[in-house]
Amino acid sequence: AALTSVLFRQSVMAKSLLSPPQSLTVPSVSENGYASFGPSYYVKGALAGGICCSITHGALCPVDVVKTRMQLEPAKYNKGMIAGFRQVIAAEGMGALATGLGPTAVGYFVQGWFKFGGVEFFKTKIAASIGEQRAWDNRTSIYLASAAMAEFIADIFLCPLEATRIRLVSDPTFGKGLADAAPKILRTEGLVKGFYSGFGPILFKQVPYTMAKFAVQGAAAEAICNAIGTPQKDMSEASSMAVSLSSGVVAGVAAAIVSHPADTLLSMVNKQGAGGTGSITSRLINLAKEVGFQKLCLTGLGARCVMIGTLTAGQFGIFDQVMALTGASKFHFTNPAEPGSH
């Protein structure tokens, strides 16, 4: 019900931003059309990001429940992803796979709003400030810097909701959902300890993850387009979607591998009493020592690669579709040396 409510509100918001049918010319550096990237463009980018992240993370909530259990209780959940599903269902019923769905849908809508909207904002502003040729030559660096800045802002808002989700998954008896669990955490542990104990790990996980996600997706999409011989902005809708999905899979797997150790630590540090009673830094060090580097990098990695590869492909596909529905022309870097770039 919580996810249905969220998706309904998102649908209403998307419809309110729909533009009349128009010819979609893609603004780029070469057109000097930066006036096109005003507040309306960034709001549409943020909305598309919120919708794509909320839908994909919400749909993969059962996978995330099992993955989190494998990270928190490796001695019990040690027979793989499929067996993990069976264990959870056998012990707690099908409903357990939806544990934390409320904070997942809401939290990742907020995070996606700032992440995707922020990346669009920062990359267009940086590209405009350094000029056409330098923007093209440094496009990977622009992706990396834009993603890092956007993710830092997004994580400030995501962290409390992620802490609530992990608490519900690790201890299903803690609360009935977001509205019940979040106030209880705030009341018993306070704002900083309860909601931001995992802020360091979430930055350590999410910032490299998002940097890899956008940079690898951009590079993969460019490589696919070069192999085909057609820029993505000139492709049919179906072909462009295929590029977004395939490059998203590659980006998701790369991002999952880069960020997995911190993801494991984040899942563990939000569990009651994990790592002792000292500062967050000392708790993280204690947990890393207890688990060991190999397990930190590999426990649950296969499940996470499947989850993040699917999730990332879905996000880029949905993002492009929502942007098109709202009448927004997505920014693309252009090579000034190529014929037709001006």
C-alpha atoms as a PDB file:
ATOM      1  CA  ALA A   1       0.000   0.000   0.000  1.00  0.00           C
ATOM      2  CA  ALA A   2       2.848   2.361   0.846  1.00  0.00           C
ATOM      3  CA  LEU A   3       4.528   1.789  -2.526  1.00  0.00           C
ATOM      4  CA  THR A   4       1.216   2.148  -4.379  1.00  0.00           C
ATOM      5  CA  SER A   5       0.609   5.484  -2.681  1.00  0.00           C
ATOM      6  CA  VAL A   6       4.092   6.710  -3.543  1.00  0.00           C
ATOM      7  CA  LEU A   7       3.800   5.651  -7.187  1.00  0.00           C
ATOM      8  CA  PHE A   8       0.375   7.298  -7.486  1.00  0.00           C
ATOM      9  CA  ARG A   9       1.753  10.601  -6.217  1.00  0.00           C
ATOM     10  CA  GLN A  10       4.670  10.321  -8.624  1.00  0.00           C
ATOM     11  CA  SER A  11       2.292   9.687 -11.530  1.00  0.00           C
ATOM     12  CA  VAL A  12       0.310  12.802 -10.669  1.00  0.00           C
ATOM     13  CA  MET A  13       3.507  14.876 -10.447  1.00  0.00           C
ATOM     14  CA  ALA A  14       4.724  13.587 -13.814  1.00  0.00           C
ATOM     15  CA  LYS A  15       1.434  14.387 -15.536  1.00  0.00           C
ATOM     16  CA  SER A  16       1.468  17.909 -14.125  1.00  0.00           C
ATOM     17  CA  LEU A  17       4.797  18.528 -15.854  1.00  0.00           C
ATOM     18  CA  LEU A  18       3.891  17.100 -19.239  1.00  0.00           C
ATOM     19  CA  SER A  19       4.447  19.550 -22.057  1.00  0.00           C
ATOM     20  CA  PRO A  20       2.408  19.804 -25.244  1.00  0.00           C
ATOM     21  CA  PRO A  21       3.797  17.660 -28.088  1.00  0.00           C
ATOM     22  CA  GLN A  22       6.882  19.315 -29.489  1.00  0.00           C
ATOM     23  CA  SER A  23       9.960  18.616 -31.563  1.00  0.00           C
ATOM     24  CA  LEU A  24      12.677  17.438 -29.215  1.00  0.00           C
ATOM     25  CA  THR A  25      15.984  18.967 -30.306  1.00  0.00           C
ATOM     26  CA  VAL A  26      18.685  17.940 -27.883  1.00  0.00           C
ATOM     27  CA  PRO A  27      20.445  21.009 -26.400  1.00  0.00           C
ATOM     28  CA  SER A  28      24.204  20.638 -26.301  1.00  0.00           C
ATOM     29  CA  VAL A  29      27.347  22.648 -25.723  1.00  0.00           C
ATOM     30  CA  SER A  30      27.757  23.272 -29.437  1.00  0.00           C
ATOM     31  CA  GLU A  31      24.378  25.006 -29.667  1.00  0.00           C
ATOM     32  CA  ASN A  32      25.204  27.495 -26.905  1.00  0.00           C
ATOM     33  CA  GLY A  33      21.709  26.716 -25.659  1.00  0.00           C
ATOM     34  CA  TYR A  34      22.336  26.858 -21.951  1.00  0.00           C
ATOM     35  CA  ALA A  35      19.285  29.027 -21.413  1.00  0.00           C
ATOM     36  CA  SER A  36      17.376  25.809 -22.158  1.00  0.00           C
ATOM     37  CA  PHE A  37      18.748  24.333 -18.942  1.00  0.00           C
ATOM     38  CA  GLY A  38      16.791  26.472 -16.516  1.00  0.00           C
ATOM     39  CA  PRO A  39      14.870  25.556 -13.352  1.00  0.00           C
ATOM     40  CA  SER A  40      12.199  23.644 -15.301  1.00  0.00           C
ATOM     41  CA  TYR A  41      14.786  21.312 -16.846  1.00  0.00           C
ATOM     42  CA  TYR A  42      16.393  20.540 -13.490  1.00  0.00           C
ATOM     43  CA  VAL A  43      13.032  19.919 -11.799  1.00  0.00           C
ATOM     44  CA  LYS A  44      12.084  17.511 -14.584  1.00  0.00           C
ATOM     45  CA  GLY A  45      15.447  15.774 -14.253  1.00  0.00           C
ATOM     46  CA  ALA A  46      14.988  15.524 -10.489  1.00  0.00           C
ATOM     47  CA  LEU A  47      11.454  14.178 -10.852  1.00  0.00           C
ATOM     48  CA  ALA A  48      12.577  11.592 -13.395  1.00  0.00           C
ATOM     49  CA  GLY A  49      15.398  10.578 -11.044  1.00  0.00           C
ATOM     50  CA  GLY A  50      13.061  10.260  -8.073  1.00  0.00           C
ATOM     51  CA  ILE A  51      10.590   8.140 -10.009  1.00  0.00           C
ATOM     52  CA  CYS A  52      13.198   5.821 -11.557  1.00  0.00           C
ATOM     53  CA  CYS A  53      14.997   5.218  -8.240  1.00  0.00           C
ATOM     54  CA  SER A  54      11.801   4.708  -6.227  1.00  0.00           C
ATOM     55  CA  ILE A  55      10.322   2.231  -8.701  1.00  0.00           C
ATOM     56  CA  THR A  56      13.488   0.189  -9.198  1.00  0.00           C
ATOM     57  CA  HIS A  57      14.516   0.026  -5.537  1.00  0.00           C
ATOM     58  CA  GLY A  58      10.938  -0.709  -4.494  1.00  0.00           C
ATOM     59  CA  ALA A  59      10.597  -3.511  -7.047  1.00  0.00           C
ATOM     60  CA  LEU A  60      13.864  -5.078  -5.875  1.00  0.00           C
ATOM     61  CA  CYS A  61      13.037  -4.800  -2.175  1.00  0.00           C
ATOM     62  CA  PRO A  62      12.755  -8.632  -1.762  1.00  0.00           C
ATOM     63  CA  VAL A  63      16.248  -9.072  -3.251  1.00  0.00           C
ATOM     64  CA  ASP A  64      17.592  -6.385  -0.939  1.00  0.00           C
ATOM     65  CA  VAL A  65      15.986  -8.050   2.094  1.00  0.00           C
ATOM     66  CA  VAL A  66      17.758 -11.349   1.343  1.00  0.00           C
ATOM     67  CA  LYS A  67      21.037  -9.604   0.466  1.00  0.00           C
ATOM     68  CA  THR A  68      20.962  -7.673   3.734  1.00  0.00           C
ATOM     69  CA  ARG A  69      20.256 -10.861   5.715  1.00  0.00           C
ATOM     70  CA  MET A  70      23.218 -12.553   4.006  1.00  0.00           C
ATOM     71  CA  GLN A  71      25.450  -9.645   5.058  1.00  0.00           C
ATOM     72  CA  LEU A  72      24.152  -9.471   8.639  1.00  0.00           C
ATOM     73  CA  GLU A  73      23.925 -13.212   9.340  1.00  0.00           C
ATOM     74  CA  PRO A  74      26.403 -14.975   7.009  1.00  0.00           C
ATOM     75  CA  ALA A  75      26.550 -18.050   9.268  1.00  0.00           C
ATOM     76  CA  LYS A  76      22.814 -18.622   8.761  1.00  0.00           C
ATOM     77  CA  TYR A  77      22.306 -17.357   5.214  1.00  0.00           C
ATOM     78  CA  ASN A  78      25.265 -18.991   3.500  1.00  0.00           C
ATOM     79  CA  LYS A  79      23.757 -21.107   0.732  1.00  0.00           C
ATOM     80  CA  GLY A  80      23.245 -18.498  -1.949  1.00  0.00           C
ATOM     81  CA  MET A  81      20.513 -16.138  -3.069  1.00  0.00           C
ATOM     82  CA  ILE A  82      17.812 -18.671  -3.984  1.00  0.00           C
ATOM     83  CA  ALA A  83      18.290 -20.580  -0.757  1.00  0.00           C
ATOM     84  CA  GLY A  84      18.187 -17.265   1.116  1.00  0.00           C
ATOM     85  CA  PHE A  85      14.743 -16.544  -0.331  1.00  0.00           C
ATOM     86  CA  ARG A  86      13.530 -19.956   0.766  1.00  0.00           C
ATOM     87  CA  GLN A  87      14.933 -19.512   4.272  1.00  0.00           C
ATOM     88  CA  VAL A  88      13.273 -16.127   4.767  1.00  0.00           C
ATOM     89  CA  ILE A  89       9.909 -17.338   3.449  1.00  0.00           C
ATOM     90  CA  ALA A  90      10.044 -20.538   5.505  1.00  0.00           C
ATOM     91  CA  ALA A  91      10.874 -18.689   8.714  1.00  0.00           C
ATOM     92  CA  GLU A  92       8.758 -15.553   8.371  1.00  0.00           C
ATOM     93  CA  GLY A  93       6.403 -15.922   5.416  1.00  0.00           C
ATOM     94  CA  MET A  94       6.171 -14.123   2.071  1.00  0.00           C
ATOM     95  CA  GLY A  95       5.424 -10.818   3.770  1.00  0.00           C
ATOM     96  CA  ALA A  96       8.956 -10.685   5.167  1.00  0.00           C
ATOM     97  CA  LEU A  97      10.283 -10.035   1.658  1.00  0.00           C
ATOM     98  CA  ALA A  98       8.524  -6.644   1.723  1.00  0.00           C
ATOM     99  CA  THR A  99      10.166  -5.609   4.992  1.00  0.00           C
ATOM    100  CA  GLY A 100      11.346  -2.006   4.751  1.00  0.00           C
ATOM    101  CA  LEU A 101       9.372  -1.296   1.558  1.00  0.00           C
ATOM    102  CA  GLY A 102       8.060   2.042   2.864  1.00  0.00           C
ATOM    103  CA  PRO A 103      11.427   3.606   3.714  1.00  0.00           C
ATOM    104  CA  THR A 104      12.904   2.085   0.559  1.00  0.00           C
ATOM    105  CA  ALA A 105      10.343   3.696  -1.788  1.00  0.00           C
ATOM    106  CA  VAL A 106      10.330   7.063  -0.016  1.00  0.00           C
ATOM    107  CA  GLY A 107      14.054   7.169   0.696  1.00  0.00           C
ATOM    108  CA  TYR A 108      15.118   6.385  -2.832  1.00  0.00           C
ATOM    109  CA  PHE A 109      12.623   8.804  -4.355  1.00  0.00           C
ATOM    110  CA  VAL A 110      14.272  11.554  -2.315  1.00  0.00           C
ATOM    111  CA  GLN A 111      17.758  10.269  -3.116  1.00  0.00           C
ATOM    112  CA  GLY A 112      16.991   9.909  -6.821  1.00  0.00           C
ATOM    113  CA  TRP A 113      15.569  13.437  -6.900  1.00  0.00           C
ATOM    114  CA  PHE A 114      18.830  14.942  -5.687  1.00  0.00           C
ATOM    115  CA  LYS A 115      21.144  12.440  -7.417  1.00  0.00           C
ATOM    116  CA  PHE A 116      19.848  12.525 -10.967  1.00  0.00           C
ATOM    117  CA  GLY A 117      18.712  16.125 -10.744  1.00  0.00           C
ATOM    118  CA  GLY A 118      22.053  17.092  -9.235  1.00  0.00           C
ATOM    119  CA  VAL A 119      24.075  15.290 -11.905  1.00  0.00           C
ATOM    120  CA  GLU A 120      22.126  17.082 -14.647  1.00  0.00           C
ATOM    121  CA  PHE A 121      22.624  20.407 -12.853  1.00  0.00           C
ATOM    122  CA  PHE A 122      26.337  20.060 -12.189  1.00  0.00           C
ATOM    123  CA  LYS A 123      27.361  18.568 -15.536  1.00  0.00           C
ATOM    124  CA  THR A 124      25.555  21.239 -17.577  1.00  0.00           C
ATOM    125  CA  LYS A 125      26.946  24.036 -15.408  1.00  0.00           C
ATOM    126  CA  ILE A 126      30.501  22.691 -15.565  1.00  0.00           C
ATOM    127  CA  ALA A 127      30.268  22.116 -19.321  1.00  0.00           C
ATOM    128  CA  ALA A 128      28.968  25.643 -19.869  1.00  0.00           C
ATOM    129  CA  SER A 129      31.724  27.168 -17.762  1.00  0.00           C
ATOM    130  CA  ILE A 130      34.691  25.476 -19.498  1.00  0.00           C
ATOM    131  CA  GLY A 131      33.519  25.536 -23.116  1.00  0.00           C
ATOM    132  CA  GLU A 132      32.657  23.046 -25.813  1.00  0.00           C
ATOM    133  CA  GLN A 133      36.010  21.466 -26.583  1.00  0.00           C
ATOM    134  CA  ARG A 134      37.196  21.164 -22.973  1.00  0.00           C
ATOM    135  CA  ALA A 135      33.822  19.754 -21.937  1.00  0.00           C
ATOM    136  CA  TRP A 136      34.117  17.040 -24.597  1.00  0.00           C
ATOM    137  CA  ASP A 137      37.747  16.271 -23.760  1.00  0.00           C
ATOM    138  CA  ASN A 138      36.990  16.053 -20.031  1.00  0.00           C
ATOM    139  CA  ARG A 139      33.534  14.503 -20.123  1.00  0.00           C
ATOM    140  CA  THR A 140      34.504  11.558 -17.907  1.00  0.00           C
ATOM    141  CA  SER A 141      35.933  13.889 -15.269  1.00  0.00           C
ATOM    142  CA  ILE A 142      32.759  15.982 -15.458  1.00  0.00           C
ATOM    143  CA  TYR A 143      30.626  12.854 -14.926  1.00  0.00           C
ATOM    144  CA  LEU A 144      32.757  11.882 -11.917  1.00  0.00           C
ATOM    145  CA  ALA A 145      32.721  15.332 -10.291  1.00  0.00           C
ATOM    146  CA  SER A 146      28.997  15.886 -10.938  1.00  0.00           C
ATOM    147  CA  ALA A 147      28.102  12.473  -9.545  1.00  0.00           C
ATOM    148  CA  ALA A 148      30.214  12.961  -6.401  1.00  0.00           C
ATOM    149  CA  MET A 149      28.676  16.350  -5.576  1.00  0.00           C
ATOM    150  CA  ALA A 150      25.120  15.250  -6.305  1.00  0.00           C
ATOM    151  CA  GLU A 151      25.447  12.049  -4.287  1.00  0.00           C
ATOM    152  CA  PHE A 152      26.846  13.840  -1.235  1.00  0.00           C
ATOM    153  CA  ILE A 153      23.784  16.069  -1.137  1.00  0.00           C
ATOM    154  CA  ALA A 154      21.418  13.159  -1.777  1.00  0.00           C
ATOM    155  CA  ASP A 155      22.891  11.074   1.051  1.00  0.00           C
ATOM    156  CA  ILE A 156      22.117  13.712   3.650  1.00  0.00           C
ATOM    157  CA  PHE A 157      18.449  13.025   2.959  1.00  0.00           C
ATOM    158  CA  LEU A 158      18.756   9.277   2.312  1.00  0.00           C
ATOM    159  CA  CYS A 159      20.702   8.279   5.428  1.00  0.00           C
ATOM    160  CA  PRO A 160      17.841   8.417   7.999  1.00  0.00           C
ATOM    161  CA  LEU A 161      15.543   6.401   5.746  1.00  0.00           C
ATOM    162  CA  GLU A 162      18.247   3.856   4.948  1.00  0.00           C
ATOM    163  CA  ALA A 163      19.008   3.450   8.659  1.00  0.00           C
ATOM    164  CA  THR A 164      15.311   2.811   9.298  1.00  0.00           C
ATOM    165  CA  ARG A 165      15.118   0.266   6.479  1.00  0.00           C
ATOM    166  CA  ILE A 166      18.134  -1.676   7.705  1.00  0.00           C
ATOM    167  CA  ARG A 167      16.818  -1.680  11.269  1.00  0.00           C
ATOM    168  CA  LEU A 168      13.491  -3.126  10.089  1.00  0.00           C
ATOM    169  CA  VAL A 169      15.198  -5.786   7.953  1.00  0.00           C
ATOM    170  CA  SER A 170      17.635  -6.805  10.693  1.00  0.00           C
ATOM    171  CA  ASP A 171      14.921  -6.792  13.385  1.00  0.00           C
ATOM    172  CA  PRO A 172      11.407  -7.216  11.911  1.00  0.00           C
ATOM    173  CA  THR A 173       9.875  -6.904  15.395  1.00  0.00           C
ATOM    174  CA  PHE A 174      11.273  -3.373  15.837  1.00  0.00           C
ATOM    175  CA  GLY A 175       8.349  -1.683  14.097  1.00  0.00           C
ATOM    176  CA  LYS A 176       5.508  -2.071  11.625  1.00  0.00           C
ATOM    177  CA  GLY A 177       6.949   0.285   9.026  1.00  0.00           C
ATOM    178  CA  LEU A 178       8.501   3.678   8.383  1.00  0.00           C
ATOM    179  CA  ALA A 179       5.931   5.709  10.347  1.00  0.00           C
ATOM    180  CA  ASP A 180       6.348   3.456  13.370  1.00  0.00           C
ATOM    181  CA  ALA A 181      10.083   2.721  13.306  1.00  0.00           C
ATOM    182  CA  ALA A 182      11.543   6.154  12.502  1.00  0.00           C
ATOM    183  CA  PRO A 183      10.067   7.958  15.542  1.00  0.00           C
ATOM    184  CA  LYS A 184      11.124   5.051  17.752  1.00  0.00           C
ATOM    185  CA  ILE A 185      14.742   5.313  16.560  1.00  0.00           C
ATOM    186  CA  LEU A 186      14.724   9.067  17.092  1.00  0.00           C
ATOM    187  CA  ARG A 187      13.240   8.723  20.569  1.00  0.00           C
ATOM    188  CA  THR A 188      15.521   5.935  21.803  1.00  0.00           C
ATOM    189  CA  GLU A 189      18.817   6.785  20.113  1.00  0.00           C
ATOM    190  CA  GLY A 190      18.649  10.409  19.048  1.00  0.00           C
ATOM    191  CA  LEU A 191      19.120  12.053  15.661  1.00  0.00           C
ATOM    192  CA  VAL A 192      22.860  11.577  15.137  1.00  0.00           C
ATOM    193  CA  LYS A 193      23.379   8.082  16.552  1.00  0.00           C
ATOM    194  CA  GLY A 194      20.055   6.726  15.367  1.00  0.00           C
ATOM    195  CA  PHE A 195      19.959   8.114  11.853  1.00  0.00           C
ATOM    196  CA  TYR A 196      23.491   9.168  10.964  1.00  0.00           C
ATOM    197  CA  SER A 197      25.704   6.444  12.456  1.00  0.00           C
ATOM    198  CA  GLY A 198      25.971   5.126   8.936  1.00  0.00           C
ATOM    199  CA  PHE A 199      26.595   8.483   7.221  1.00  0.00           C
ATOM    200  CA  GLY A 200      30.329   7.838   6.801  1.00  0.00           C
ATOM    201  CA  PRO A 201      29.798   4.350   5.370  1.00  0.00           C
ATOM    202  CA  ILE A 202      26.915   5.503   3.186  1.00  0.00           C
ATOM    203  CA  LEU A 203      29.161   8.193   1.667  1.00  0.00           C
ATOM    204  CA  PHE A 204      31.953   5.625   1.336  1.00  0.00           C
ATOM    205  CA  LYS A 205      29.502   3.350  -0.468  1.00  0.00           C
ATOM    206  CA  GLN A 206      27.271   5.713  -2.424  1.00  0.00           C
ATOM    207  CA  VAL A 207      29.774   8.310  -3.678  1.00  0.00           C
ATOM    208  CA  PRO A 208      32.121   5.799  -5.424  1.00  0.00           C
ATOM    209  CA  TYR A 209      29.041   3.829  -6.508  1.00  0.00           C
ATOM    210  CA  THR A 210      27.416   6.850  -8.149  1.00  0.00           C
ATOM    211  CA  MET A 211      30.677   8.063  -9.683  1.00  0.00           C
ATOM    212  CA  ALA A 212      31.219   4.650 -11.276  1.00  0.00           C
ATOM    213  CA  LYS A 213      27.560   4.384 -12.245  1.00  0.00           C
ATOM    214  CA  PHE A 214      27.378   7.608 -14.258  1.00  0.00           C
ATOM    215  CA  ALA A 215      30.917   7.573 -15.653  1.00  0.00           C
ATOM    216  CA  VAL A 216      30.781   3.921 -16.758  1.00  0.00           C
ATOM    217  CA  GLN A 217      27.268   4.310 -18.157  1.00  0.00           C
ATOM    218  CA  GLY A 218      28.350   7.346 -20.163  1.00  0.00           C
ATOM    219  CA  ALA A 219      31.425   5.541 -21.497  1.00  0.00           C
ATOM    220  CA  ALA A 220      29.507   2.336 -22.228  1.00  0.00           C
ATOM    221  CA  ALA A 221      26.719   4.191 -24.040  1.00  0.00           C
ATOM    222  CA  GLU A 222      29.304   6.090 -26.092  1.00  0.00           C
ATOM    223  CA  ALA A 223      31.127   2.854 -26.996  1.00  0.00           C
ATOM    224  CA  ILE A 224      27.867   1.202 -28.081  1.00  0.00           C
ATOM    225  CA  CYS A 225      26.889   4.225 -30.174  1.00  0.00           C
ATOM    226  CA  ASN A 226      30.348   4.331 -31.788  1.00  0.00           C
ATOM    227  CA  ALA A 227      30.062   0.640 -32.663  1.00  0.00           C
ATOM    228  CA  ILE A 228      26.645   1.234 -34.226  1.00  0.00           C
ATOM    229  CA  GLY A 229      27.776   4.438 -35.908  1.00  0.00           C
ATOM    230  CA  THR A 230      24.866   6.607 -34.724  1.00  0.00           C
ATOM    231  CA  PRO A 231      24.797   9.120 -31.821  1.00  0.00           C
ATOM    232  CA  GLN A 232      22.181   8.246 -29.211  1.00  0.00           C
ATOM    233  CA  LYS A 233      20.416  11.589 -29.681  1.00  0.00           C
ATOM    234  CA  ASP A 234      19.783  10.650 -33.341  1.00  0.00           C
ATOM    235  CA  MET A 235      18.494   7.121 -32.653  1.00  0.00           C
ATOM    236  CA  SER A 236      14.910   5.916 -32.647  1.00  0.00           C
ATOM    237  CA  GLU A 237      13.200   5.647 -29.279  1.00  0.00           C
ATOM    238  CA  ALA A 238      13.572   1.843 -29.215  1.00  0.00           C
ATOM    239  CA  SER A 239      17.266   1.937 -30.130  1.00  0.00           C
ATOM    240  CA  SER A 240      17.987   4.645 -27.579  1.00  0.00           C
ATOM    241  CA  MET A 241      16.218   2.609 -24.902  1.00  0.00           C
ATOM    242  CA  ALA A 242      18.305  -0.448 -25.801  1.00  0.00           C
ATOM    243  CA  VAL A 243      21.487   1.603 -25.409  1.00  0.00           C
ATOM    244  CA  SER A 244      20.322   2.960 -22.032  1.00  0.00           C
ATOM    245  CA  LEU A 245      19.466  -0.514 -20.729  1.00  0.00           C
ATOM    246  CA  SER A 246      22.602  -2.294 -21.934  1.00  0.00           C
ATOM    247  CA  SER A 247      24.961   0.456 -20.772  1.00  0.00           C
ATOM    248  CA  GLY A 248      23.067   0.540 -17.476  1.00  0.00           C
ATOM    249  CA  VAL A 249      23.772  -3.160 -16.854  1.00  0.00           C
ATOM    250  CA  VAL A 250      27.507  -2.640 -17.410  1.00  0.00           C
ATOM    251  CA  ALA A 251      27.505   0.432 -15.154  1.00  0.00           C
ATOM    252  CA  GLY A 252      25.523  -1.337 -12.442  1.00  0.00           C
ATOM    253  CA  VAL A 253      27.888  -4.301 -12.184  1.00  0.00           C
ATOM    254  CA  ALA A 254      30.934  -2.021 -12.076  1.00  0.00           C
ATOM    255  CA  ALA A 255      29.336   0.194  -9.436  1.00  0.00           C
ATOM    256  CA  ALA A 256      28.316  -2.816  -7.330  1.00  0.00           C
ATOM    257  CA  ILE A 257      31.858  -4.186  -7.216  1.00  0.00           C
ATOM    258  CA  VAL A 258      33.369  -0.798  -6.338  1.00  0.00           C
ATOM    259  CA  SER A 259      30.945  -0.080  -3.511  1.00  0.00           C
ATOM    260  CA  HIS A 260      30.304  -3.538  -2.043  1.00  0.00           C
ATOM    261  CA  PRO A 261      32.690  -3.439   0.964  1.00  0.00           C
ATOM    262  CA  ALA A 262      31.107  -0.225   2.221  1.00  0.00           C
ATOM    263  CA  ASP A 263      27.629  -1.618   1.563  1.00  0.00           C
ATOM    264  CA  THR A 264      28.415  -4.571   3.828  1.00  0.00           C
ATOM    265  CA  LEU A 265      29.727  -2.273   6.563  1.00  0.00           C
ATOM    266  CA  LEU A 266      26.661  -0.036   6.272  1.00  0.00           C
ATOM    267  CA  SER A 267      24.323  -2.994   6.713  1.00  0.00           C
ATOM    268  CA  MET A 268      26.284  -4.165   9.764  1.00  0.00           C
ATOM    269  CA  VAL A 269      26.788  -0.826  11.551  1.00  0.00           C
ATOM    270  CA  ASN A 270      23.031  -0.147  11.650  1.00  0.00           C
ATOM    271  CA  LYS A 271      22.430  -3.396  13.529  1.00  0.00           C
ATOM    272  CA  GLN A 272      21.911  -2.848  17.249  1.00  0.00           C
ATOM    273  CA  GLY A 273      25.215  -3.140  19.180  1.00  0.00           C
ATOM    274  CA  ALA A 274      27.331  -3.891  16.108  1.00  0.00           C
ATOM    275  CA  GLY A 275      30.990  -2.912  16.439  1.00  0.00           C
ATOM    276  CA  GLY A 276      30.843  -2.039  20.121  1.00  0.00           C
ATOM    277  CA  THR A 277      29.831   1.192  21.823  1.00  0.00           C
ATOM    278  CA  GLY A 278      32.551   3.628  20.720  1.00  0.00           C
ATOM    279  CA  SER A 279      32.561   6.233  17.977  1.00  0.00           C
ATOM    280  CA  ILE A 280      31.315   5.414  14.511  1.00  0.00           C
ATOM    281  CA  THR A 281      34.913   5.226  13.251  1.00  0.00           C
ATOM    282  CA  SER A 282      35.968   2.754  15.938  1.00  0.00           C
ATOM    283  CA  ARG A 283      32.843   0.673  15.365  1.00  0.00           C
ATOM    284  CA  LEU A 284      33.542   0.487  11.631  1.00  0.00           C
ATOM    285  CA  ILE A 285      37.166  -0.526  12.265  1.00  0.00           C
ATOM    286  CA  ASN A 286      36.034  -3.212  14.715  1.00  0.00           C
ATOM    287  CA  LEU A 287      33.508  -4.561  12.226  1.00  0.00           C
ATOM    288  CA  ALA A 288      36.057  -4.610   9.395  1.00  0.00           C
ATOM    289  CA  LYS A 289      38.491  -6.552  11.590  1.00  0.00           C
ATOM    290  CA  GLU A 290      35.822  -9.008  12.678  1.00  0.00           C
ATOM    291  CA  VAL A 291      34.635  -9.748   9.160  1.00  0.00           C
ATOM    292  CA  GLY A 292      37.970  -9.674   7.310  1.00  0.00           C
ATOM    293  CA  PHE A 293      38.785  -8.066   3.960  1.00  0.00           C
ATOM    294  CA  GLN A 294      37.877 -11.040   1.758  1.00  0.00           C
ATOM    295  CA  LYS A 295      34.430 -11.551   3.267  1.00  0.00           C
ATOM    296  CA  LEU A 296      33.854  -7.804   3.292  1.00  0.00           C
ATOM    297  CA  CYS A 297      34.403  -7.722  -0.469  1.00  0.00           C
ATOM    298  CA  LEU A 298      32.732 -10.994  -1.440  1.00  0.00           C
ATOM    299  CA  THR A 299      29.875 -11.785   0.974  1.00  0.00           C
ATOM    300  CA  GLY A 300      26.646 -11.201  -0.938  1.00  0.00           C
ATOM    301  CA  LEU A 301      28.502  -9.766  -3.960  1.00  0.00           C
ATOM    302  CA  GLY A 302      26.840 -12.039  -6.526  1.00  0.00           C
ATOM    303  CA  ALA A 303      23.381 -11.101  -5.307  1.00  0.00           C
ATOM    304  CA  ARG A 304      24.313  -7.429  -5.270  1.00  0.00           C
ATOM    305  CA  CYS A 305      25.683  -7.527  -8.841  1.00  0.00           C
ATOM    306  CA  VAL A 306      22.404  -9.051 -10.039  1.00  0.00           C
ATOM    307  CA  MET A 307      20.407  -6.516  -8.068  1.00  0.00           C
ATOM    308  CA  ILE A 308      22.415  -3.417  -9.003  1.00  0.00           C
ATOM    309  CA  GLY A 309      22.900  -4.434 -12.638  1.00  0.00           C
ATOM    310  CA  THR A 310      19.135  -4.857 -13.075  1.00  0.00           C
ATOM    311  CA  LEU A 311      18.341  -1.798 -10.988  1.00  0.00           C
ATOM    312  CA  THR A 312      20.743   0.514 -12.821  1.00  0.00           C
ATOM    313  CA  ALA A 313      19.561  -0.581 -16.250  1.00  0.00           C
ATOM    314  CA  GLY A 314      15.981   0.073 -15.163  1.00  0.00           C
ATOM    315  CA  GLN A 315      16.871   3.458 -13.727  1.00  0.00           C
ATOM    316  CA  PHE A 316      18.479   4.806 -16.888  1.00  0.00           C
ATOM    317  CA  GLY A 317      15.678   3.392 -19.040  1.00  0.00           C
ATOM    318  CA  ILE A 318      12.902   4.881 -16.881  1.00  0.00           C
ATOM    319  CA  PHE A 319      14.789   8.168 -16.468  1.00  0.00           C
ATOM    320  CA  ASP A 320      15.009   8.679 -20.230  1.00  0.00           C
ATOM    321  CA  GLN A 321      11.332   7.817 -20.681  1.00  0.00           C
ATOM    322  CA  VAL A 322      10.117  10.200 -17.973  1.00  0.00           C
ATOM    323  CA  MET A 323      12.335  12.980 -19.303  1.00  0.00           C
ATOM    324  CA  ALA A 324      10.767  12.483 -22.747  1.00  0.00           C
ATOM    325  CA  LEU A 325       7.252  12.454 -21.264  1.00  0.00           C
ATOM    326  CA  THR A 326       7.853  15.777 -19.534  1.00  0.00           C
ATOM    327  CA  GLY A 327       9.105  17.312 -22.779  1.00  0.00           C
ATOM    328  CA  ALA A 328      12.681  17.676 -21.564  1.00  0.00           C
ATOM    329  CA  SER A 329      15.534  17.234 -24.034  1.00  0.00           C
ATOM    330  CA  LYS A 330      18.317  15.382 -22.242  1.00  0.00           C
ATOM    331  CA  PHE A 331      21.779  16.933 -22.275  1.00  0.00           C
ATOM    332  CA  HIS A 332      24.445  15.101 -24.300  1.00  0.00           C
ATOM    333  CA  PHE A 333      28.115  15.934 -24.668  1.00  0.00           C
ATOM    334  CA  THR A 334      29.028  16.608 -28.312  1.00  0.00           C
ATOM    335  CA  ASN A 335      32.339  16.429 -30.141  1.00  0.00           C
ATOM    336  CA  PRO A 336      32.875  19.771 -31.953  1.00  0.00           C
ATOM    337  CA  ALA A 337      35.183  18.064 -34.445  1.00  0.00           C
ATOM    338  CA  GLU A 338      32.418  15.814 -35.759  1.00  0.00           C
ATOM    339  CA  PRO A 339      30.364  16.967 -38.764  1.00  0.00           C
ATOM    340  CA  GLY A 340      26.876  18.085 -37.784  1.00  0.00           C
ATOM    341  CA  SER A 341      27.790  18.866 -34.167  1.00  0.00           C
ATOM    342  CA  HIS A 342      26.953  22.545 -34.672  1.00  0.00           C
END
